[in-house]
């Protein structure tokens, strides 16, 4: 067992702990990968697959509806494409900080 520093608050805690006991930051989110999140956002983002993967079901449903409607109407289609691309970039920028991506 080694002691590590929390990336969020700097407190020292065990590397076996699932979350920092001081601030609750989760370095490991139930085996989910931020890279998988980013790839899902890039490939299947218009249907909100990455939001369901991250545990954000409400946002996933909205993206699923917008993505489906987007096949028939251009404005929701463009909006959901931009939203998915922004989520892809956010995922890439937070590869080392899964606590900001995944729902708690």
C-alpha atoms as a PDB file:
ATOM      1  CA  UNK A   1       0.000   0.000   0.000  1.00  0.00           C
ATOM      2  CA  UNK A   2       1.374   3.365  -1.035  1.00  0.00           C
ATOM      3  CA  UNK A   3       0.316   6.842  -0.097  1.00  0.00           C
ATOM      4  CA  UNK A   4      -0.625   9.207  -2.918  1.00  0.00           C
ATOM      5  CA  UNK A   5      -1.719  12.816  -3.145  1.00  0.00           C
ATOM      6  CA  UNK A   6      -5.231  13.754  -4.245  1.00  0.00           C
ATOM      7  CA  UNK A   7      -5.228  15.625  -7.565  1.00  0.00           C
ATOM      8  CA  UNK A   8      -8.096  17.829  -6.427  1.00  0.00           C
ATOM      9  CA  UNK A   9      -7.223  18.926  -2.872  1.00  0.00           C
ATOM     10  CA  UNK A  10      -3.659  17.651  -2.332  1.00  0.00           C
ATOM     11  CA  UNK A  11      -4.495  15.524   0.726  1.00  0.00           C
ATOM     12  CA  UNK A  12      -2.506  12.333   1.252  1.00  0.00           C
ATOM     13  CA  UNK A  13      -4.425   9.039   1.148  1.00  0.00           C
ATOM     14  CA  UNK A  14      -4.013   5.355   0.329  1.00  0.00           C
ATOM     15  CA  UNK A  15      -3.733   4.325  -3.319  1.00  0.00           C
ATOM     16  CA  UNK A  16      -6.308   1.595  -2.577  1.00  0.00           C
ATOM     17  CA  UNK A  17      -9.004   4.135  -1.628  1.00  0.00           C
ATOM     18  CA  UNK A  18     -11.719   4.609  -4.253  1.00  0.00           C
ATOM     19  CA  UNK A  19     -12.081   8.300  -3.389  1.00  0.00           C
ATOM     20  CA  UNK A  20     -10.201  10.930  -1.432  1.00  0.00           C
ATOM     21  CA  UNK A  21     -11.497  10.867   2.169  1.00  0.00           C
ATOM     22  CA  UNK A  22     -11.121  14.654   2.437  1.00  0.00           C
ATOM     23  CA  UNK A  23     -12.807  15.973  -0.740  1.00  0.00           C
ATOM     24  CA  UNK A  24     -14.394  12.876  -2.310  1.00  0.00           C
ATOM     25  CA  UNK A  25     -12.474  13.096  -5.606  1.00  0.00           C
ATOM     26  CA  UNK A  26     -12.664   9.769  -7.451  1.00  0.00           C
ATOM     27  CA  UNK A  27      -9.574   8.913  -9.465  1.00  0.00           C
ATOM     28  CA  UNK A  28     -11.147   5.657 -10.635  1.00  0.00           C
ATOM     29  CA  UNK A  29     -14.801   5.688 -11.646  1.00  0.00           C
ATOM     30  CA  UNK A  30     -15.996   2.076 -11.479  1.00  0.00           C
ATOM     31  CA  UNK A  31     -13.564   0.984 -14.170  1.00  0.00           C
ATOM     32  CA  UNK A  32     -14.900   3.498 -16.694  1.00  0.00           C
ATOM     33  CA  UNK A  33     -12.437   5.209 -18.992  1.00  0.00           C
ATOM     34  CA  UNK A  34     -12.494   8.846 -20.033  1.00  0.00           C
ATOM     35  CA  UNK A  35     -10.905   7.822 -23.336  1.00  0.00           C
ATOM     36  CA  UNK A  36     -13.851   5.493 -24.037  1.00  0.00           C
ATOM     37  CA  UNK A  37     -16.181   8.391 -23.144  1.00  0.00           C
ATOM     38  CA  UNK A  38     -14.392  10.666 -25.637  1.00  0.00           C
ATOM     39  CA  UNK A  39     -14.472   8.043 -28.398  1.00  0.00           C
ATOM     40  CA  UNK A  40     -18.172   7.383 -27.815  1.00  0.00           C
ATOM     41  CA  UNK A  41     -18.795  11.138 -28.023  1.00  0.00           C
ATOM     42  CA  UNK A  42     -16.934  11.303 -31.327  1.00  0.00           C
ATOM     43  CA  UNK A  43     -18.478   8.215 -32.940  1.00  0.00           C
ATOM     44  CA  UNK A  44     -21.989   8.024 -31.470  1.00  0.00           C
ATOM     45  CA  UNK A  45     -22.366  11.443 -29.838  1.00  0.00           C
ATOM     46  CA  UNK A  46     -25.442  12.537 -31.743  1.00  0.00           C
ATOM     47  CA  UNK A  47     -27.435   9.832 -29.946  1.00  0.00           C
ATOM     48  CA  UNK A  48     -25.945  10.605 -26.511  1.00  0.00           C
ATOM     49  CA  UNK A  49     -24.318   7.199 -26.011  1.00  0.00           C
ATOM     50  CA  UNK A  50     -21.419   8.805 -24.125  1.00  0.00           C
ATOM     51  CA  UNK A  51     -23.841  10.507 -21.716  1.00  0.00           C
ATOM     52  CA  UNK A  52     -25.468   7.167 -20.865  1.00  0.00           C
ATOM     53  CA  UNK A  53     -21.972   5.677 -20.377  1.00  0.00           C
ATOM     54  CA  UNK A  54     -21.110   8.518 -17.984  1.00  0.00           C
ATOM     55  CA  UNK A  55     -24.289   7.972 -15.951  1.00  0.00           C
ATOM     56  CA  UNK A  56     -25.971  11.187 -17.084  1.00  0.00           C
ATOM     57  CA  UNK A  57     -29.230   9.680 -18.290  1.00  0.00           C
ATOM     58  CA  UNK A  58     -31.179  12.941 -18.541  1.00  0.00           C
ATOM     59  CA  UNK A  59     -28.660  14.518 -20.890  1.00  0.00           C
ATOM     60  CA  UNK A  60     -28.466  11.240 -22.801  1.00  0.00           C
ATOM     61  CA  UNK A  61     -32.215  11.210 -23.395  1.00  0.00           C
ATOM     62  CA  UNK A  62     -32.151  14.828 -24.611  1.00  0.00           C
ATOM     63  CA  UNK A  63     -29.297  14.062 -27.018  1.00  0.00           C
ATOM     64  CA  UNK A  64     -31.040  10.894 -28.206  1.00  0.00           C
ATOM     65  CA  UNK A  65     -34.216  12.840 -28.994  1.00  0.00           C
ATOM     66  CA  UNK A  66     -32.326  15.689 -30.651  1.00  0.00           C
ATOM     67  CA  UNK A  67     -30.200  13.272 -32.667  1.00  0.00           C
ATOM     68  CA  UNK A  68     -33.259  11.376 -33.866  1.00  0.00           C
ATOM     69  CA  UNK A  69     -35.165  14.549 -34.735  1.00  0.00           C
ATOM     70  CA  UNK A  70     -31.985  15.862 -36.368  1.00  0.00           C
ATOM     71  CA  UNK A  71     -32.375  13.327 -39.177  1.00  0.00           C
ATOM     72  CA  UNK A  72     -35.490  15.243 -40.255  1.00  0.00           C
ATOM     73  CA  UNK A  73     -34.838  18.822 -39.117  1.00  0.00           C
ATOM     74  CA  UNK A  74     -31.500  20.501 -39.693  1.00  0.00           C
ATOM     75  CA  UNK A  75     -31.287  22.830 -36.640  1.00  0.00           C
ATOM     76  CA  UNK A  76     -31.469  20.124 -33.920  1.00  0.00           C
ATOM     77  CA  UNK A  77     -29.113  17.981 -35.981  1.00  0.00           C
ATOM     78  CA  UNK A  78     -26.455  20.685 -36.159  1.00  0.00           C
ATOM     79  CA  UNK A  79     -26.916  21.578 -32.478  1.00  0.00           C
ATOM     80  CA  UNK A  80     -26.459  17.998 -31.279  1.00  0.00           C
ATOM     81  CA  UNK A  81     -23.401  17.535 -33.532  1.00  0.00           C
ATOM     82  CA  UNK A  82     -21.774  20.606 -31.982  1.00  0.00           C
ATOM     83  CA  UNK A  83     -22.740  19.410 -28.476  1.00  0.00           C
ATOM     84  CA  UNK A  84     -21.207  15.973 -29.123  1.00  0.00           C
ATOM     85  CA  UNK A  85     -17.989  17.502 -30.486  1.00  0.00           C
ATOM     86  CA  UNK A  86     -17.688  19.786 -27.453  1.00  0.00           C
ATOM     87  CA  UNK A  87     -18.159  16.739 -25.191  1.00  0.00           C
ATOM     88  CA  UNK A  88     -15.415  14.958 -27.164  1.00  0.00           C
ATOM     89  CA  UNK A  89     -13.010  17.869 -26.587  1.00  0.00           C
ATOM     90  CA  UNK A  90     -13.976  18.084 -22.902  1.00  0.00           C
ATOM     91  CA  UNK A  91     -13.289  14.361 -22.580  1.00  0.00           C
ATOM     92  CA  UNK A  92      -9.835  14.756 -24.120  1.00  0.00           C
ATOM     93  CA  UNK A  93      -9.021  17.694 -21.853  1.00  0.00           C
ATOM     94  CA  UNK A  94     -10.047  15.707 -18.755  1.00  0.00           C
ATOM     95  CA  UNK A  95      -8.289  12.391 -19.435  1.00  0.00           C
ATOM     96  CA  UNK A  96      -6.586  12.611 -16.045  1.00  0.00           C
ATOM     97  CA  UNK A  97      -9.653  13.903 -14.175  1.00  0.00           C
ATOM     98  CA  UNK A  98     -12.538  11.412 -14.490  1.00  0.00           C
ATOM     99  CA  UNK A  99     -14.402  12.950 -11.563  1.00  0.00           C
ATOM    100  CA  UNK A 100     -15.447  15.848 -13.804  1.00  0.00           C
ATOM    101  CA  UNK A 101     -16.862  13.540 -16.486  1.00  0.00           C
ATOM    102  CA  UNK A 102     -18.717  10.784 -14.665  1.00  0.00           C
ATOM    103  CA  UNK A 103     -21.801  11.259 -12.512  1.00  0.00           C
ATOM    104  CA  UNK A 104     -21.372  10.484  -8.837  1.00  0.00           C
END
